[in-house]
Amino acid sequence: MRPQLLSIEVTRPDAGHARLRLTGDLDFDTAPELLDAAARVRADGCHELTVDLGGVGLCDSSGLSAFLVLSRGGVGPLRLTGVGDRLQQLLDRTGLTELLAVERPTAGAADDVREVG
């Protein structure tokens, strides 16, 4: 199976807030793209950061590490949205749920995230 590239759509819903909508795989090869995109919006004055994971097909330990780096490296809050069941299990098992603001999708949303060991 060919890995899916990561695309990041950046929107700014209001002053000081940026939303990064991810589509594709968040893994060793693509996690640096998330870190770079977050650094750019923070350099532009966005202190509150929301990462929408609804379009992520795979998240491995590098993706989890990126969340931790973003939460500790910013001056404002990091919120994860669109978190599916499998990714939620990874966040729970690693203790990241207690460190990050995680917003679950509404009932009936599809869960396409695959776990990688």
PDB file of N, CA and C in Angstrom:
ATOM      1  N   MET A   1       0.832  -1.172   0.000  1.00  0.00           N
ATOM      2  CA  MET A   1       0.000   0.000   0.000  1.00  0.00           C
ATOM      3  C   MET A   1       0.886   1.248   0.000  1.00  0.00           C
ATOM      4  N   ARG A   2       0.587   2.176  -0.848  1.00  0.00           N
ATOM      5  CA  ARG A   2       1.355   3.411  -0.970  1.00  0.00           C
ATOM      6  C   ARG A   2       0.928   4.405   0.105  1.00  0.00           C
ATOM      7  N   PRO A   3       1.896   5.031   0.811  1.00  0.00           N
ATOM      8  CA  PRO A   3       1.527   5.999   1.834  1.00  0.00           C
ATOM      9  C   PRO A   3       0.832   7.214   1.240  1.00  0.00           C
ATOM     10  N   GLN A   4      -0.097   7.767   1.989  1.00  0.00           N
ATOM     11  CA  GLN A   4      -0.819   8.948   1.555  1.00  0.00           C
ATOM     12  C   GLN A   4      -0.090  10.189   2.048  1.00  0.00           C
ATOM     13  N   LEU A   5       0.155  11.124   1.157  1.00  0.00           N
ATOM     14  CA  LEU A   5       0.816  12.366   1.533  1.00  0.00           C
ATOM     15  C   LEU A   5      -0.065  13.165   2.472  1.00  0.00           C
ATOM     16  N   LEU A   6       0.537  14.065   3.200  1.00  0.00           N
ATOM     17  CA  LEU A   6      -0.198  14.911   4.126  1.00  0.00           C
ATOM     18  C   LEU A   6      -0.434  16.272   3.487  1.00  0.00           C
ATOM     19  N   SER A   7      -1.667  16.734   3.553  1.00  0.00           N
ATOM     20  CA  SER A   7      -1.954  18.111   3.153  1.00  0.00           C
ATOM     21  C   SER A   7      -2.467  18.843   4.384  1.00  0.00           C
ATOM     22  N   ILE A   8      -2.105  20.104   4.470  1.00  0.00           N
ATOM     23  CA  ILE A   8      -2.476  20.914   5.624  1.00  0.00           C
ATOM     24  C   ILE A   8      -3.141  22.185   5.112  1.00  0.00           C
ATOM     25  N   GLU A   9      -4.392  22.355   5.474  1.00  0.00           N
ATOM     26  CA  GLU A   9      -5.145  23.553   5.115  1.00  0.00           C
ATOM     27  C   GLU A   9      -5.177  24.456   6.346  1.00  0.00           C
ATOM     28  N   VAL A  10      -4.709  25.678   6.195  1.00  0.00           N
ATOM     29  CA  VAL A  10      -4.650  26.621   7.306  1.00  0.00           C
ATOM     30  C   VAL A  10      -5.754  27.654   7.148  1.00  0.00           C
ATOM     31  N   THR A  11      -6.542  27.819   8.204  1.00  0.00           N
ATOM     32  CA  THR A  11      -7.532  28.897   8.254  1.00  0.00           C
ATOM     33  C   THR A  11      -7.318  29.649   9.559  1.00  0.00           C
ATOM     34  N   ARG A  12      -7.780  30.877   9.557  1.00  0.00           N
ATOM     35  CA  ARG A  12      -7.671  31.714  10.759  1.00  0.00           C
ATOM     36  C   ARG A  12      -9.066  32.223  11.105  1.00  0.00           C
ATOM     37  N   PRO A  13      -9.783  31.475  11.956  1.00  0.00           N
ATOM     38  CA  PRO A  13     -11.166  31.838  12.285  1.00  0.00           C
ATOM     39  C   PRO A  13     -11.297  33.198  12.974  1.00  0.00           C
ATOM     40  N   ASP A  14     -10.304  33.586  13.747  1.00  0.00           N
ATOM     41  CA  ASP A  14     -10.295  34.906  14.375  1.00  0.00           C
ATOM     42  C   ASP A  14      -8.865  35.266  14.744  1.00  0.00           C
ATOM     43  N   ALA A  15      -8.685  36.477  15.177  1.00  0.00           N
ATOM     44  CA  ALA A  15      -7.338  36.969  15.508  1.00  0.00           C
ATOM     45  C   ALA A  15      -6.711  36.110  16.605  1.00  0.00           C
ATOM     46  N   GLY A  16      -5.486  35.701  16.377  1.00  0.00           N
ATOM     47  CA  GLY A  16      -4.761  34.924  17.372  1.00  0.00           C
ATOM     48  C   GLY A  16      -5.062  33.438  17.369  1.00  0.00           C
ATOM     49  N   HIS A  17      -5.925  32.974  16.455  1.00  0.00           N
ATOM     50  CA  HIS A  17      -6.314  31.562  16.404  1.00  0.00           C
ATOM     51  C   HIS A  17      -6.114  31.019  14.996  1.00  0.00           C
ATOM     52  N   ALA A  18      -5.455  29.866  14.900  1.00  0.00           N
ATOM     53  CA  ALA A  18      -5.282  29.198  13.605  1.00  0.00           C
ATOM     54  C   ALA A  18      -5.811  27.779  13.706  1.00  0.00           C
ATOM     55  N   ARG A  19      -6.410  27.315  12.614  1.00  0.00           N
ATOM     56  CA  ARG A  19      -6.913  25.948  12.519  1.00  0.00           C
ATOM     57  C   ARG A  19      -6.150  25.263  11.393  1.00  0.00           C
ATOM     58  N   LEU A  20      -5.517  24.129  11.716  1.00  0.00           N
ATOM     59  CA  LEU A  20      -4.801  23.332  10.722  1.00  0.00           C
ATOM     60  C   LEU A  20      -5.611  22.073  10.471  1.00  0.00           C
ATOM     61  N   ARG A  21      -6.126  21.951   9.252  1.00  0.00           N
ATOM     62  CA  ARG A  21      -6.925  20.773   8.897  1.00  0.00           C
ATOM     63  C   ARG A  21      -6.032  19.813   8.123  1.00  0.00           C
ATOM     64  N   LEU A  22      -5.798  18.630   8.705  1.00  0.00           N
ATOM     65  CA  LEU A  22      -4.896  17.650   8.116  1.00  0.00           C
ATOM     66  C   LEU A  22      -5.677  16.606   7.326  1.00  0.00           C
ATOM     67  N   THR A  23      -5.125  16.247   6.177  1.00  0.00           N
ATOM     68  CA  THR A  23      -5.673  15.177   5.361  1.00  0.00           C
ATOM     69  C   THR A  23      -4.505  14.317   4.891  1.00  0.00           C
ATOM     70  N   GLY A  24      -4.600  13.011   5.138  1.00  0.00           N
ATOM     71  CA  GLY A  24      -3.530  12.096   4.747  1.00  0.00           C
ATOM     72  C   GLY A  24      -2.972  11.377   5.951  1.00  0.00           C
ATOM     73  N   ASP A  25      -1.707  10.991   5.857  1.00  0.00           N
ATOM     74  CA  ASP A  25      -1.048  10.236   6.920  1.00  0.00           C
ATOM     75  C   ASP A  25      -0.123  11.141   7.721  1.00  0.00           C
ATOM     76  N   LEU A  26      -0.179  11.001   9.033  1.00  0.00           N
ATOM     77  CA  LEU A  26       0.696  11.749   9.927  1.00  0.00           C
ATOM     78  C   LEU A  26       1.680  10.749  10.517  1.00  0.00           C
ATOM     79  N   ASP A  27       2.891  10.737   9.952  1.00  0.00           N
ATOM     80  CA  ASP A  27       3.866   9.719  10.332  1.00  0.00           C
ATOM     81  C   ASP A  27       5.276  10.321  10.346  1.00  0.00           C
ATOM     82  N   PHE A  28       6.267   9.466  10.393  1.00  0.00           N
ATOM     83  CA  PHE A  28       7.667   9.892  10.458  1.00  0.00           C
ATOM     84  C   PHE A  28       8.026  10.872   9.332  1.00  0.00           C
ATOM     85  N   ASP A  29       7.521  10.603   8.147  1.00  0.00           N
ATOM     86  CA  ASP A  29       7.860  11.437   6.991  1.00  0.00           C
ATOM     87  C   ASP A  29       7.116  12.764   6.965  1.00  0.00           C
ATOM     88  N   THR A  30       5.904  12.806   7.545  1.00  0.00           N
ATOM     89  CA  THR A  30       5.067  13.998   7.401  1.00  0.00           C
ATOM     90  C   THR A  30       4.904  14.821   8.676  1.00  0.00           C
ATOM     91  N   ALA A  31       5.234  14.273   9.831  1.00  0.00           N
ATOM     92  CA  ALA A  31       5.100  15.029  11.088  1.00  0.00           C
ATOM     93  C   ALA A  31       5.872  16.353  11.053  1.00  0.00           C
ATOM     94  N   PRO A  32       7.075  16.393  10.447  1.00  0.00           N
ATOM     95  CA  PRO A  32       7.773  17.688  10.361  1.00  0.00           C
ATOM     96  C   PRO A  32       6.980  18.753   9.597  1.00  0.00           C
ATOM     97  N   GLU A  33       6.139  18.343   8.652  1.00  0.00           N
ATOM     98  CA  GLU A  33       5.304  19.303   7.923  1.00  0.00           C
ATOM     99  C   GLU A  33       4.318  19.971   8.871  1.00  0.00           C
ATOM    100  N   LEU A  34       3.746  19.193   9.794  1.00  0.00           N
ATOM    101  CA  LEU A  34       2.830  19.758  10.781  1.00  0.00           C
ATOM    102  C   LEU A  34       3.567  20.743  11.687  1.00  0.00           C
ATOM    103  N   LEU A  35       4.736  20.355  12.144  1.00  0.00           N
ATOM    104  CA  LEU A  35       5.524  21.239  13.008  1.00  0.00           C
ATOM    105  C   LEU A  35       5.885  22.534  12.297  1.00  0.00           C
ATOM    106  N   ASP A  36       6.262  22.447  11.025  1.00  0.00           N
ATOM    107  CA  ASP A  36       6.606  23.638  10.241  1.00  0.00           C
ATOM    108  C   ASP A  36       5.397  24.554  10.049  1.00  0.00           C
ATOM    109  N   ALA A  37       4.243  23.959   9.720  1.00  0.00           N
ATOM    110  CA  ALA A  37       3.029  24.760   9.516  1.00  0.00           C
ATOM    111  C   ALA A  37       2.638  25.469  10.807  1.00  0.00           C
ATOM    112  N   ALA A  38       2.737  24.772  11.923  1.00  0.00           N
ATOM    113  CA  ALA A  38       2.403  25.385  13.211  1.00  0.00           C
ATOM    114  C   ALA A  38       3.379  26.500  13.550  1.00  0.00           C
ATOM    115  N   ALA A  39       4.647  26.304  13.278  1.00  0.00           N
ATOM    116  CA  ALA A  39       5.648  27.340  13.547  1.00  0.00           C
ATOM    117  C   ALA A  39       5.365  28.599  12.720  1.00  0.00           C
ATOM    118  N   ARG A  40       4.940  28.406  11.464  1.00  0.00           N
ATOM    119  CA  ARG A  40       4.646  29.556  10.604  1.00  0.00           C
ATOM    120  C   ARG A  40       3.461  30.368  11.138  1.00  0.00           C
ATOM    121  N   VAL A  41       2.373  29.690  11.540  1.00  0.00           N
ATOM    122  CA  VAL A  41       1.204  30.442  12.019  1.00  0.00           C
ATOM    123  C   VAL A  41       1.487  31.079  13.374  1.00  0.00           C
ATOM    124  N   ARG A  42       2.293  30.418  14.175  1.00  0.00           N
ATOM    125  CA  ARG A  42       2.653  31.030  15.464  1.00  0.00           C
ATOM    126  C   ARG A  42       3.552  32.247  15.257  1.00  0.00           C
ATOM    127  N   ALA A  43       4.423  32.194  14.261  1.00  0.00           N
ATOM    128  CA  ALA A  43       5.278  33.344  13.952  1.00  0.00           C
ATOM    129  C   ALA A  43       4.440  34.520  13.452  1.00  0.00           C
ATOM    130  N   ASP A  44       3.271  34.221  12.859  1.00  0.00           N
ATOM    131  CA  ASP A  44       2.349  35.259  12.384  1.00  0.00           C
ATOM    132  C   ASP A  44       1.445  35.781  13.493  1.00  0.00           C
ATOM    133  N   GLY A  45       1.668  35.332  14.731  1.00  0.00           N
ATOM    134  CA  GLY A  45       0.904  35.857  15.857  1.00  0.00           C
ATOM    135  C   GLY A  45      -0.260  35.007  16.332  1.00  0.00           C
ATOM    136  N   CYS A  46      -0.410  33.805  15.804  1.00  0.00           N
ATOM    137  CA  CYS A  46      -1.485  32.922  16.268  1.00  0.00           C
ATOM    138  C   CYS A  46      -1.017  32.180  17.515  1.00  0.00           C
ATOM    139  N   HIS A  47      -1.712  32.400  18.604  1.00  0.00           N
ATOM    140  CA  HIS A  47      -1.328  31.781  19.865  1.00  0.00           C
ATOM    141  C   HIS A  47      -2.171  30.551  20.171  1.00  0.00           C
ATOM    142  N   GLU A  48      -3.413  30.555  19.730  1.00  0.00           N
ATOM    143  CA  GLU A  48      -4.296  29.400  19.934  1.00  0.00           C
ATOM    144  C   GLU A  48      -4.276  28.568  18.657  1.00  0.00           C
ATOM    145  N   LEU A  49      -4.044  27.262  18.814  1.00  0.00           N
ATOM    146  CA  LEU A  49      -3.893  26.386  17.659  1.00  0.00           C
ATOM    147  C   LEU A  49      -4.839  25.196  17.777  1.00  0.00           C
ATOM    148  N   THR A  50      -5.625  24.977  16.721  1.00  0.00           N
ATOM    149  CA  THR A  50      -6.504  23.815  16.636  1.00  0.00           C
ATOM    150  C   THR A  50      -6.011  22.950  15.483  1.00  0.00           C
ATOM    151  N   VAL A  51      -5.835  21.654  15.757  1.00  0.00           N
ATOM    152  CA  VAL A  51      -5.426  20.707  14.722  1.00  0.00           C
ATOM    153  C   VAL A  51      -6.606  19.765  14.490  1.00  0.00           C
ATOM    154  N   ASP A  52      -7.192  19.842  13.293  1.00  0.00           N
ATOM    155  CA  ASP A  52      -8.329  19.016  12.916  1.00  0.00           C
ATOM    156  C   ASP A  52      -7.805  17.743  12.264  1.00  0.00           C
ATOM    157  N   LEU A  53      -8.031  16.609  12.924  1.00  0.00           N
ATOM    158  CA  LEU A  53      -7.510  15.320  12.473  1.00  0.00           C
ATOM    159  C   LEU A  53      -8.558  14.462  11.775  1.00  0.00           C
ATOM    160  N   GLY A  54      -9.685  15.047  11.435  1.00  0.00           N
ATOM    161  CA  GLY A  54     -10.768  14.297  10.815  1.00  0.00           C
ATOM    162  C   GLY A  54     -10.399  13.629   9.496  1.00  0.00           C
ATOM    163  N   GLY A  55      -9.419  14.167   8.776  1.00  0.00           N
ATOM    164  CA  GLY A  55      -9.011  13.608   7.498  1.00  0.00           C
ATOM    165  C   GLY A  55      -7.747  12.776   7.557  1.00  0.00           C
ATOM    166  N   VAL A  56      -7.263  12.493   8.768  1.00  0.00           N
ATOM    167  CA  VAL A  56      -6.024  11.719   8.911  1.00  0.00           C
ATOM    168  C   VAL A  56      -6.326  10.232   8.797  1.00  0.00           C
ATOM    169  N   GLY A  57      -5.601   9.554   7.909  1.00  0.00           N
ATOM    170  CA  GLY A  57      -5.803   8.128   7.701  1.00  0.00           C
ATOM    171  C   GLY A  57      -4.928   7.265   8.576  1.00  0.00           C
ATOM    172  N   LEU A  58      -3.801   7.791   9.017  1.00  0.00           N
ATOM    173  CA  LEU A  58      -2.860   7.038   9.841  1.00  0.00           C
ATOM    174  C   LEU A  58      -2.117   8.023  10.715  1.00  0.00           C
ATOM    175  N   CYS A  59      -1.911   7.658  11.980  1.00  0.00           N
ATOM    176  CA  CYS A  59      -1.102   8.460  12.888  1.00  0.00           C
ATOM    177  C   CYS A  59      -0.206   7.511  13.660  1.00  0.00           C
ATOM    178  N   ASP A  60       1.095   7.687  13.531  1.00  0.00           N
ATOM    179  CA  ASP A  60       2.028   6.822  14.252  1.00  0.00           C
ATOM    180  C   ASP A  60       2.671   7.598  15.402  1.00  0.00           C
ATOM    181  N   SER A  61       3.692   7.028  16.004  1.00  0.00           N
ATOM    182  CA  SER A  61       4.339   7.648  17.158  1.00  0.00           C
ATOM    183  C   SER A  61       4.959   8.999  16.821  1.00  0.00           C
ATOM    184  N   SER A  62       5.356   9.202  15.589  1.00  0.00           N
ATOM    185  CA  SER A  62       5.904  10.504  15.191  1.00  0.00           C
ATOM    186  C   SER A  62       4.822  11.577  15.216  1.00  0.00           C
ATOM    187  N   GLY A  63       3.625  11.201  14.825  1.00  0.00           N
ATOM    188  CA  GLY A  63       2.494  12.132  14.909  1.00  0.00           C
ATOM    189  C   GLY A  63       2.174  12.474  16.355  1.00  0.00           C
ATOM    190  N   LEU A  64       2.175  11.459  17.218  1.00  0.00           N
ATOM    191  CA  LEU A  64       1.927  11.701  18.641  1.00  0.00           C
ATOM    192  C   LEU A  64       2.998  12.612  19.223  1.00  0.00           C
ATOM    193  N   SER A  65       4.237  12.383  18.832  1.00  0.00           N
ATOM    194  CA  SER A  65       5.344  13.219  19.293  1.00  0.00           C
ATOM    195  C   SER A  65       5.167  14.665  18.830  1.00  0.00           C
ATOM    196  N   ALA A  66       4.694  14.848  17.613  1.00  0.00           N
ATOM    197  CA  ALA A  66       4.458  16.198  17.097  1.00  0.00           C
ATOM    198  C   ALA A  66       3.422  16.925  17.944  1.00  0.00           C
ATOM    199  N   PHE A  67       2.370  16.216  18.377  1.00  0.00           N
ATOM    200  CA  PHE A  67       1.364  16.845  19.232  1.00  0.00           C
ATOM    201  C   PHE A  67       1.997  17.333  20.534  1.00  0.00           C
ATOM    202  N   LEU A  68       2.861  16.517  21.101  1.00  0.00           N
ATOM    203  CA  LEU A  68       3.519  16.878  22.346  1.00  0.00           C
ATOM    204  C   LEU A  68       4.436  18.092  22.147  1.00  0.00           C
ATOM    205  N   VAL A  69       5.191  18.092  21.062  1.00  0.00           N
ATOM    206  CA  VAL A  69       6.075  19.225  20.754  1.00  0.00           C
ATOM    207  C   VAL A  69       5.241  20.501  20.589  1.00  0.00           C
ATOM    208  N   LEU A  70       4.124  20.404  19.878  1.00  0.00           N
ATOM    209  CA  LEU A  70       3.271  21.581  19.663  1.00  0.00           C
ATOM    210  C   LEU A  70       2.673  22.082  20.967  1.00  0.00           C
ATOM    211  N   SER A  71       2.292  21.174  21.844  1.00  0.00           N
ATOM    212  CA  SER A  71       1.661  21.591  23.097  1.00  0.00           C
ATOM    213  C   SER A  71       2.668  22.257  24.023  1.00  0.00           C
ATOM    214  N   ARG A  72       3.904  21.835  23.967  1.00  0.00           N
ATOM    215  CA  ARG A  72       4.922  22.389  24.863  1.00  0.00           C
ATOM    216  C   ARG A  72       5.651  23.582  24.260  1.00  0.00           C
ATOM    217  N   GLY A  73       5.628  23.698  22.936  1.00  0.00           N
ATOM    218  CA  GLY A  73       6.394  24.746  22.280  1.00  0.00           C
ATOM    219  C   GLY A  73       5.631  26.022  22.006  1.00  0.00           C
ATOM    220  N   GLY A  74       4.352  26.032  22.305  1.00  0.00           N
ATOM    221  CA  GLY A  74       3.554  27.207  22.000  1.00  0.00           C
ATOM    222  C   GLY A  74       3.280  28.053  23.223  1.00  0.00           C
ATOM    223  N   VAL A  75       2.824  29.259  22.961  1.00  0.00           N
ATOM    224  CA  VAL A  75       2.489  30.166  24.048  1.00  0.00           C
ATOM    225  C   VAL A  75       1.000  30.115  24.377  1.00  0.00           C
ATOM    226  N   GLY A  76       0.237  29.417  23.556  1.00  0.00           N
ATOM    227  CA  GLY A  76      -1.198  29.293  23.777  1.00  0.00           C
ATOM    228  C   GLY A  76      -1.616  27.848  23.695  1.00  0.00           C
ATOM    229  N   PRO A  77      -2.915  27.595  23.861  1.00  0.00           N
ATOM    230  CA  PRO A  77      -3.407  26.219  23.902  1.00  0.00           C
ATOM    231  C   PRO A  77      -3.373  25.515  22.544  1.00  0.00           C
ATOM    232  N   LEU A  78      -3.240  24.199  22.626  1.00  0.00           N
ATOM    233  CA  LEU A  78      -3.341  23.320  21.461  1.00  0.00           C
ATOM    234  C   LEU A  78      -4.581  22.463  21.666  1.00  0.00           C
ATOM    235  N   ARG A  79      -5.451  22.434  20.662  1.00  0.00           N
ATOM    236  CA  ARG A  79      -6.662  21.619  20.740  1.00  0.00           C
ATOM    237  C   ARG A  79      -6.684  20.681  19.540  1.00  0.00           C
ATOM    238  N   LEU A  80      -6.947  19.405  19.799  1.00  0.00           N
ATOM    239  CA  LEU A  80      -7.101  18.407  18.737  1.00  0.00           C
ATOM    240  C   LEU A  80      -8.578  18.149  18.537  1.00  0.00           C
ATOM    241  N   THR A  81      -9.038  18.216  17.283  1.00  0.00           N
ATOM    242  CA  THR A  81     -10.426  17.922  16.966  1.00  0.00           C
ATOM    243  C   THR A  81     -10.471  16.806  15.926  1.00  0.00           C
ATOM    244  N   GLY A  82     -11.647  16.221  15.745  1.00  0.00           N
ATOM    245  CA  GLY A  82     -11.816  15.170  14.745  1.00  0.00           C
ATOM    246  C   GLY A  82     -11.083  13.886  15.090  1.00  0.00           C
ATOM    247  N   VAL A  83     -10.854  13.647  16.369  1.00  0.00           N
ATOM    248  CA  VAL A  83     -10.106  12.471  16.822  1.00  0.00           C
ATOM    249  C   VAL A  83     -11.023  11.255  16.797  1.00  0.00           C
ATOM    250  N   GLY A  84     -10.650  10.256  16.007  1.00  0.00           N
ATOM    251  CA  GLY A  84     -11.427   9.027  15.908  1.00  0.00           C
ATOM    252  C   GLY A  84     -11.100   8.063  17.040  1.00  0.00           C
ATOM    253  N   ASP A  85     -11.822   6.962  17.070  1.00  0.00           N
ATOM    254  CA  ASP A  85     -11.686   5.981  18.160  1.00  0.00           C
ATOM    255  C   ASP A  85     -10.280   5.410  18.289  1.00  0.00           C
ATOM    256  N   ARG A  86      -9.680   5.007  17.198  1.00  0.00           N
ATOM    257  CA  ARG A  86      -8.350   4.385  17.268  1.00  0.00           C
ATOM    258  C   ARG A  86      -7.283   5.369  17.724  1.00  0.00           C
ATOM    259  N   LEU A  87      -7.342   6.574  17.195  1.00  0.00           N
ATOM    260  CA  LEU A  87      -6.388   7.584  17.633  1.00  0.00           C
ATOM    261  C   LEU A  87      -6.640   7.936  19.096  1.00  0.00           C
ATOM    262  N   GLN A  88      -7.897   7.989  19.495  1.00  0.00           N
ATOM    263  CA  GLN A  88      -8.214   8.263  20.899  1.00  0.00           C
ATOM    264  C   GLN A  88      -7.603   7.183  21.792  1.00  0.00           C
ATOM    265  N   GLN A  89      -7.662   5.935  21.359  1.00  0.00           N
ATOM    266  CA  GLN A  89      -7.053   4.845  22.137  1.00  0.00           C
ATOM    267  C   GLN A  89      -5.546   5.059  22.274  1.00  0.00           C
ATOM    268  N   LEU A  90      -4.887   5.476  21.198  1.00  0.00           N
ATOM    269  CA  LEU A  90      -3.443   5.749  21.266  1.00  0.00           C
ATOM    270  C   LEU A  90      -3.149   6.899  22.231  1.00  0.00           C
ATOM    271  N   LEU A  91      -3.950   7.945  22.154  1.00  0.00           N
ATOM    272  CA  LEU A  91      -3.762   9.079  23.055  1.00  0.00           C
ATOM    273  C   LEU A  91      -3.976   8.663  24.510  1.00  0.00           C
ATOM    274  N   ASP A  92      -4.979   7.812  24.732  1.00  0.00           N
ATOM    275  CA  ASP A  92      -5.255   7.319  26.089  1.00  0.00           C
ATOM    276  C   ASP A  92      -4.102   6.459  26.605  1.00  0.00           C
ATOM    277  N   ARG A  93      -3.647   5.510  25.783  1.00  0.00           N
ATOM    278  CA  ARG A  93      -2.580   4.586  26.201  1.00  0.00           C
ATOM    279  C   ARG A  93      -1.265   5.295  26.494  1.00  0.00           C
ATOM    280  N   THR A  94      -0.995   6.365  25.772  1.00  0.00           N
ATOM    281  CA  THR A  94       0.269   7.072  25.955  1.00  0.00           C
ATOM    282  C   THR A  94       0.178   8.180  27.002  1.00  0.00           C
ATOM    283  N   GLY A  95      -1.011   8.436  27.523  1.00  0.00           N
ATOM    284  CA  GLY A  95      -1.194   9.482  28.519  1.00  0.00           C
ATOM    285  C   GLY A  95      -1.340  10.870  27.935  1.00  0.00           C
ATOM    286  N   LEU A  96      -1.351  10.987  26.616  1.00  0.00           N
ATOM    287  CA  LEU A  96      -1.450  12.300  25.988  1.00  0.00           C
ATOM    288  C   LEU A  96      -2.829  12.931  26.152  1.00  0.00           C
ATOM    289  N   THR A  97      -3.851  12.108  26.377  1.00  0.00           N
ATOM    290  CA  THR A  97      -5.190  12.648  26.585  1.00  0.00           C
ATOM    291  C   THR A  97      -5.210  13.585  27.786  1.00  0.00           C
ATOM    292  N   GLU A  98      -4.404  13.273  28.780  1.00  0.00           N
ATOM    293  CA  GLU A  98      -4.366  14.101  29.984  1.00  0.00           C
ATOM    294  C   GLU A  98      -3.574  15.386  29.775  1.00  0.00           C
ATOM    295  N   LEU A  99      -2.733  15.434  28.753  1.00  0.00           N
ATOM    296  CA  LEU A  99      -1.907  16.614  28.498  1.00  0.00           C
ATOM    297  C   LEU A  99      -2.486  17.541  27.439  1.00  0.00           C
ATOM    298  N   LEU A 100      -3.323  17.000  26.558  1.00  0.00           N
ATOM    299  CA  LEU A 100      -3.835  17.759  25.423  1.00  0.00           C
ATOM    300  C   LEU A 100      -5.340  17.959  25.536  1.00  0.00           C
ATOM    301  N   ALA A 101      -5.842  19.036  24.973  1.00  0.00           N
ATOM    302  CA  ALA A 101      -7.283  19.246  24.861  1.00  0.00           C
ATOM    303  C   ALA A 101      -7.755  18.474  23.629  1.00  0.00           C
ATOM    304  N   VAL A 102      -8.533  17.428  23.857  1.00  0.00           N
ATOM    305  CA  VAL A 102      -8.982  16.551  22.772  1.00  0.00           C
ATOM    306  C   VAL A 102     -10.494  16.642  22.656  1.00  0.00           C
ATOM    307  N   GLU A 103     -10.945  17.000  21.472  1.00  0.00           N
ATOM    308  CA  GLU A 103     -12.372  17.113  21.188  1.00  0.00           C
ATOM    309  C   GLU A 103     -12.772  15.987  20.257  1.00  0.00           C
ATOM    310  N   ARG A 104     -13.660  15.141  20.712  1.00  0.00           N
ATOM    311  CA  ARG A 104     -14.102  13.997  19.921  1.00  0.00           C
ATOM    312  C   ARG A 104     -15.093  14.432  18.844  1.00  0.00           C
ATOM    313  N   PRO A 105     -15.146  13.716  17.697  1.00  0.00           N
ATOM    314  CA  PRO A 105     -16.123  14.051  16.652  1.00  0.00           C
ATOM    315  C   PRO A 105     -17.539  13.741  17.132  1.00  0.00           C
ATOM    316  N   THR A 106     -18.493  14.327  16.455  1.00  0.00           N
ATOM    317  CA  THR A 106     -19.881  14.088  16.802  1.00  0.00           C
ATOM    318  C   THR A 106     -20.266  12.643  16.493  1.00  0.00           C
ATOM    319  N   ALA A 107     -21.319  12.159  17.122  1.00  0.00           N
ATOM    320  CA  ALA A 107     -21.779  10.784  16.938  1.00  0.00           C
ATOM    321  C   ALA A 107     -22.057  10.511  15.466  1.00  0.00           C
ATOM    322  N   GLY A 108     -21.630   9.342  15.013  1.00  0.00           N
ATOM    323  CA  GLY A 108     -21.871   8.933  13.637  1.00  0.00           C
ATOM    324  C   GLY A 108     -20.753   9.291  12.683  1.00  0.00           C
ATOM    325  N   ALA A 109     -19.746  10.000  13.155  1.00  0.00           N
ATOM    326  CA  ALA A 109     -18.622  10.346  12.278  1.00  0.00           C
ATOM    327  C   ALA A 109     -17.795   9.105  12.001  1.00  0.00           C
ATOM    328  N   ALA A 110     -17.282   9.001  10.807  1.00  0.00           N
ATOM    329  CA  ALA A 110     -16.469   7.838  10.424  1.00  0.00           C
ATOM    330  C   ALA A 110     -15.118   7.873  11.108  1.00  0.00           C
ATOM    331  N   ASP A 111     -14.575   6.676  11.398  1.00  0.00           N
ATOM    332  CA  ASP A 111     -13.260   6.565  12.001  1.00  0.00           C
ATOM    333  C   ASP A 111     -12.373   5.776  11.063  1.00  0.00           C
ATOM    334  N   ASP A 112     -11.509   6.492  10.340  1.00  0.00           N
ATOM    335  CA  ASP A 112     -10.657   5.845   9.347  1.00  0.00           C
ATOM    336  C   ASP A 112      -9.201   5.765   9.770  1.00  0.00           C
ATOM    337  N   VAL A 113      -8.875   6.202  10.990  1.00  0.00           N
ATOM    338  CA  VAL A 113      -7.490   6.210  11.429  1.00  0.00           C
ATOM    339  C   VAL A 113      -7.047   4.791  11.719  1.00  0.00           C
ATOM    340  N   ARG A 114      -5.890   4.414  11.152  1.00  0.00           N
ATOM    341  CA  ARG A 114      -5.322   3.083  11.395  1.00  0.00           C
ATOM    342  C   ARG A 114      -4.187   3.208  12.381  1.00  0.00           C
ATOM    343  N   GLU A 115      -4.092   2.262  13.286  1.00  0.00           N
ATOM    344  CA  GLU A 115      -3.031   2.270  14.281  1.00  0.00           C
ATOM    345  C   GLU A 115      -1.791   1.608  13.694  1.00  0.00           C
ATOM    346  N   VAL A 116      -0.642   2.197  13.986  1.00  0.00           N
ATOM    347  CA  VAL A 116       0.633   1.625  13.562  1.00  0.00           C
ATOM    348  C   VAL A 116       1.455   1.371  14.807  1.00  0.00           C
ATOM    349  N   GLY A 117       2.006   0.171  14.931  1.00  0.00           N
ATOM    350  CA  GLY A 117       2.747  -0.197  16.138  1.00  0.00           C
ATOM    351  C   GLY A 117       4.093   0.316  16.214  1.00  0.00           C
TER     352      GLY A 117
END
